[in-house]
Amino acid sequence: MPSLEPLARLLLLTGVLLLVVGGLLFLASKGGLPLIGRLPGDILVQKGKVTFYFPLATSLLLSLLLTFILTLLFRLAR
């Protein structure tokens, strides 16, 4: 019978990651993360009634942070 330990670890890590992301989204919706979405480098263009917003710097920061967290989690899972 194959070991179920790798699957169990993967499920635990996925659960922790979902908990962290859910908590961040909850805080962001309540205004608890003031810098997210308003970093220097985010593009905001307003012309009359049209607004274009592209969170470039925020996307890069979140990508680096998630890459770091996932790298640590996968190294611990081995």
N, C-alpha and C. Protein backbone atom coordinates (compact mmCIF):
# COMPACT_ATOMS: atom_id res chain seq x y z
N MET A 1 0.85 -1.18 0.00
CA MET A 1 0.00 0.00 0.00
C MET A 1 0.90 1.24 0.00
N PRO A 2 0.68 2.16 -0.94
CA PRO A 2 1.53 3.35 -1.01
C PRO A 2 1.29 4.27 0.19
N SER A 3 2.32 5.02 0.54
CA SER A 3 2.23 5.94 1.67
C SER A 3 1.38 7.15 1.29
N LEU A 4 0.55 7.58 2.19
CA LEU A 4 -0.30 8.74 1.96
C LEU A 4 0.28 10.02 2.56
N GLU A 5 1.49 9.91 3.11
CA GLU A 5 2.11 11.06 3.76
C GLU A 5 2.34 12.24 2.82
N PRO A 6 2.84 12.04 1.58
CA PRO A 6 3.01 13.20 0.69
C PRO A 6 1.69 13.90 0.37
N LEU A 7 0.63 13.14 0.17
CA LEU A 7 -0.67 13.74 -0.10
C LEU A 7 -1.17 14.52 1.10
N ALA A 8 -0.96 13.98 2.29
CA ALA A 8 -1.39 14.66 3.52
C ALA A 8 -0.65 15.98 3.69
N ARG A 9 0.65 15.98 3.43
CA ARG A 9 1.42 17.22 3.52
C ARG A 9 0.95 18.26 2.51
N LEU A 10 0.69 17.80 1.29
CA LEU A 10 0.22 18.72 0.26
C LEU A 10 -1.12 19.33 0.65
N LEU A 11 -2.01 18.54 1.17
CA LEU A 11 -3.32 19.06 1.59
C LEU A 11 -3.19 20.04 2.75
N LEU A 12 -2.31 19.76 3.69
CA LEU A 12 -2.09 20.68 4.80
C LEU A 12 -1.50 22.00 4.31
N LEU A 13 -0.52 21.93 3.44
CA LEU A 13 0.09 23.16 2.91
C LEU A 13 -0.90 23.97 2.10
N THR A 14 -1.74 23.29 1.33
CA THR A 14 -2.77 23.98 0.55
C THR A 14 -3.75 24.67 1.48
N GLY A 15 -4.14 24.00 2.56
CA GLY A 15 -5.05 24.59 3.53
C GLY A 15 -4.48 25.82 4.21
N VAL A 16 -3.20 25.75 4.58
CA VAL A 16 -2.55 26.90 5.20
C VAL A 16 -2.47 28.07 4.22
N LEU A 17 -2.12 27.78 2.99
CA LEU A 17 -2.03 28.83 1.98
C LEU A 17 -3.39 29.48 1.74
N LEU A 18 -4.45 28.68 1.65
CA LEU A 18 -5.79 29.24 1.48
C LEU A 18 -6.21 30.08 2.68
N LEU A 19 -5.83 29.66 3.87
CA LEU A 19 -6.14 30.42 5.08
C LEU A 19 -5.45 31.79 5.05
N VAL A 20 -4.19 31.81 4.67
CA VAL A 20 -3.44 33.06 4.61
C VAL A 20 -4.02 33.99 3.55
N VAL A 21 -4.27 33.47 2.36
CA VAL A 21 -4.83 34.30 1.28
C VAL A 21 -6.22 34.81 1.67
N GLY A 22 -7.03 33.96 2.27
CA GLY A 22 -8.36 34.38 2.71
C GLY A 22 -8.29 35.48 3.75
N GLY A 23 -7.35 35.35 4.69
CA GLY A 23 -7.17 36.39 5.70
C GLY A 23 -6.74 37.72 5.10
N LEU A 24 -5.83 37.66 4.13
CA LEU A 24 -5.39 38.89 3.46
C LEU A 24 -6.53 39.54 2.69
N LEU A 25 -7.33 38.73 2.01
CA LEU A 25 -8.48 39.28 1.29
C LEU A 25 -9.50 39.89 2.24
N PHE A 26 -9.71 39.26 3.39
CA PHE A 26 -10.63 39.79 4.38
C PHE A 26 -10.13 41.13 4.90
N LEU A 27 -8.83 41.21 5.22
CA LEU A 27 -8.27 42.48 5.69
C LEU A 27 -8.33 43.56 4.61
N ALA A 28 -8.08 43.17 3.38
CA ALA A 28 -8.11 44.14 2.28
C ALA A 28 -9.51 44.70 2.08
N SER A 29 -10.53 43.87 2.25
CA SER A 29 -11.90 44.34 2.05
C SER A 29 -12.34 45.27 3.17
N LYS A 30 -11.73 45.15 4.36
CA LYS A 30 -12.07 46.01 5.50
C LYS A 30 -11.19 47.25 5.56
N GLY A 31 -10.28 47.40 4.62
CA GLY A 31 -9.38 48.56 4.62
C GLY A 31 -8.18 48.37 5.52
N GLY A 32 -7.87 47.14 5.90
CA GLY A 32 -6.77 46.87 6.81
C GLY A 32 -5.40 46.82 6.15
N LEU A 33 -5.35 46.80 4.84
CA LEU A 33 -4.07 46.80 4.12
C LEU A 33 -3.98 48.08 3.30
N PRO A 34 -3.54 49.18 3.92
CA PRO A 34 -3.61 50.47 3.23
C PRO A 34 -2.69 50.61 2.02
N LEU A 35 -1.56 49.91 1.99
CA LEU A 35 -0.62 50.09 0.87
C LEU A 35 -0.98 49.25 -0.34
N ILE A 36 -1.67 48.14 -0.14
CA ILE A 36 -1.99 47.26 -1.27
C ILE A 36 -2.92 47.99 -2.22
N GLY A 37 -2.49 48.13 -3.46
CA GLY A 37 -3.29 48.81 -4.46
C GLY A 37 -2.98 50.28 -4.62
N ARG A 38 -2.10 50.81 -3.78
CA ARG A 38 -1.77 52.23 -3.88
C ARG A 38 -0.26 52.45 -3.83
N LEU A 39 0.48 51.54 -4.37
CA LEU A 39 1.94 51.65 -4.35
C LEU A 39 2.42 52.56 -5.47
N PRO A 40 3.59 53.20 -5.29
CA PRO A 40 4.18 53.93 -6.40
C PRO A 40 4.49 52.94 -7.52
N GLY A 41 4.13 53.24 -8.71
CA GLY A 41 4.31 52.31 -9.82
C GLY A 41 3.00 51.72 -10.30
N ASP A 42 1.94 51.85 -9.51
CA ASP A 42 0.61 51.46 -9.96
C ASP A 42 0.11 52.55 -10.91
N ILE A 43 -0.51 52.13 -11.98
CA ILE A 43 -0.93 53.07 -13.03
C ILE A 43 -2.40 53.42 -12.84
N LEU A 44 -2.69 54.72 -12.74
CA LEU A 44 -4.05 55.21 -12.61
C LEU A 44 -4.24 56.35 -13.61
N VAL A 45 -5.18 56.18 -14.53
CA VAL A 45 -5.47 57.20 -15.53
C VAL A 45 -6.96 57.52 -15.44
N GLN A 46 -7.28 58.81 -15.22
CA GLN A 46 -8.67 59.24 -15.17
C GLN A 46 -8.90 60.29 -16.24
N LYS A 47 -9.87 60.02 -17.10
CA LYS A 47 -10.24 60.96 -18.16
C LYS A 47 -11.76 61.08 -18.15
N GLY A 48 -12.25 62.17 -17.62
CA GLY A 48 -13.69 62.35 -17.56
C GLY A 48 -14.35 61.32 -16.67
N LYS A 49 -15.26 60.55 -17.26
CA LYS A 49 -15.98 59.52 -16.50
C LYS A 49 -15.30 58.16 -16.57
N VAL A 50 -14.20 58.05 -17.30
CA VAL A 50 -13.52 56.78 -17.48
C VAL A 50 -12.28 56.73 -16.58
N THR A 51 -12.14 55.63 -15.85
CA THR A 51 -10.98 55.42 -14.99
C THR A 51 -10.33 54.09 -15.36
N PHE A 52 -9.02 54.13 -15.58
CA PHE A 52 -8.25 52.92 -15.86
C PHE A 52 -7.22 52.76 -14.75
N TYR A 53 -7.24 51.60 -14.12
CA TYR A 53 -6.31 51.32 -13.03
C TYR A 53 -5.61 50.00 -13.30
N PHE A 54 -4.27 50.01 -13.28
CA PHE A 54 -3.48 48.79 -13.45
C PHE A 54 -2.45 48.73 -12.33
N PRO A 55 -2.63 47.81 -11.36
CA PRO A 55 -1.72 47.75 -10.20
C PRO A 55 -0.41 47.01 -10.52
N LEU A 56 0.44 47.64 -11.29
CA LEU A 56 1.68 47.02 -11.74
C LEU A 56 2.62 46.72 -10.56
N ALA A 57 2.92 47.71 -9.74
CA ALA A 57 3.84 47.51 -8.62
C ALA A 57 3.26 46.54 -7.60
N THR A 58 1.97 46.63 -7.35
CA THR A 58 1.32 45.72 -6.41
C THR A 58 1.40 44.29 -6.92
N SER A 59 1.18 44.09 -8.22
CA SER A 59 1.26 42.74 -8.80
C SER A 59 2.66 42.17 -8.68
N LEU A 60 3.66 42.97 -8.94
CA LEU A 60 5.05 42.50 -8.83
C LEU A 60 5.40 42.15 -7.38
N LEU A 61 4.97 42.99 -6.44
CA LEU A 61 5.25 42.72 -5.04
C LEU A 61 4.56 41.44 -4.56
N LEU A 62 3.30 41.26 -4.91
CA LEU A 62 2.58 40.05 -4.52
C LEU A 62 3.18 38.81 -5.18
N SER A 63 3.63 38.93 -6.41
CA SER A 63 4.25 37.81 -7.10
C SER A 63 5.54 37.39 -6.40
N LEU A 64 6.37 38.34 -6.03
CA LEU A 64 7.61 38.03 -5.31
C LEU A 64 7.32 37.41 -3.95
N LEU A 65 6.34 37.95 -3.25
CA LEU A 65 5.99 37.43 -1.93
C LEU A 65 5.46 36.00 -2.02
N LEU A 66 4.56 35.75 -2.96
CA LEU A 66 4.02 34.40 -3.13
C LEU A 66 5.09 33.40 -3.59
N THR A 67 5.99 33.83 -4.46
CA THR A 67 7.08 32.97 -4.90
C THR A 67 7.96 32.56 -3.71
N PHE A 68 8.27 33.52 -2.85
CA PHE A 68 9.08 33.25 -1.67
C PHE A 68 8.36 32.28 -0.73
N ILE A 69 7.09 32.52 -0.46
CA ILE A 69 6.32 31.66 0.44
C ILE A 69 6.19 30.25 -0.12
N LEU A 70 5.85 30.12 -1.39
CA LEU A 70 5.69 28.80 -1.99
C LEU A 70 7.01 28.04 -2.06
N THR A 71 8.11 28.74 -2.31
CA THR A 71 9.42 28.09 -2.32
C THR A 71 9.73 27.52 -0.94
N LEU A 72 9.46 28.29 0.10
CA LEU A 72 9.69 27.79 1.46
C LEU A 72 8.79 26.59 1.77
N LEU A 73 7.52 26.68 1.39
CA LEU A 73 6.59 25.59 1.68
C LEU A 73 6.98 24.31 0.95
N PHE A 74 7.37 24.41 -0.30
CA PHE A 74 7.74 23.21 -1.05
C PHE A 74 9.05 22.61 -0.57
N ARG A 75 9.95 23.45 -0.07
CA ARG A 75 11.20 22.92 0.51
C ARG A 75 10.91 22.19 1.81
N LEU A 76 9.96 22.68 2.59
CA LEU A 76 9.59 22.02 3.83
C LEU A 76 8.83 20.73 3.57
N ALA A 77 8.13 20.65 2.45
CA ALA A 77 7.32 19.48 2.14
C ALA A 77 8.17 18.27 1.71
N ARG A 78 9.39 18.53 1.28
CA ARG A 78 10.25 17.42 0.83
C ARG A 78 10.69 16.56 1.94
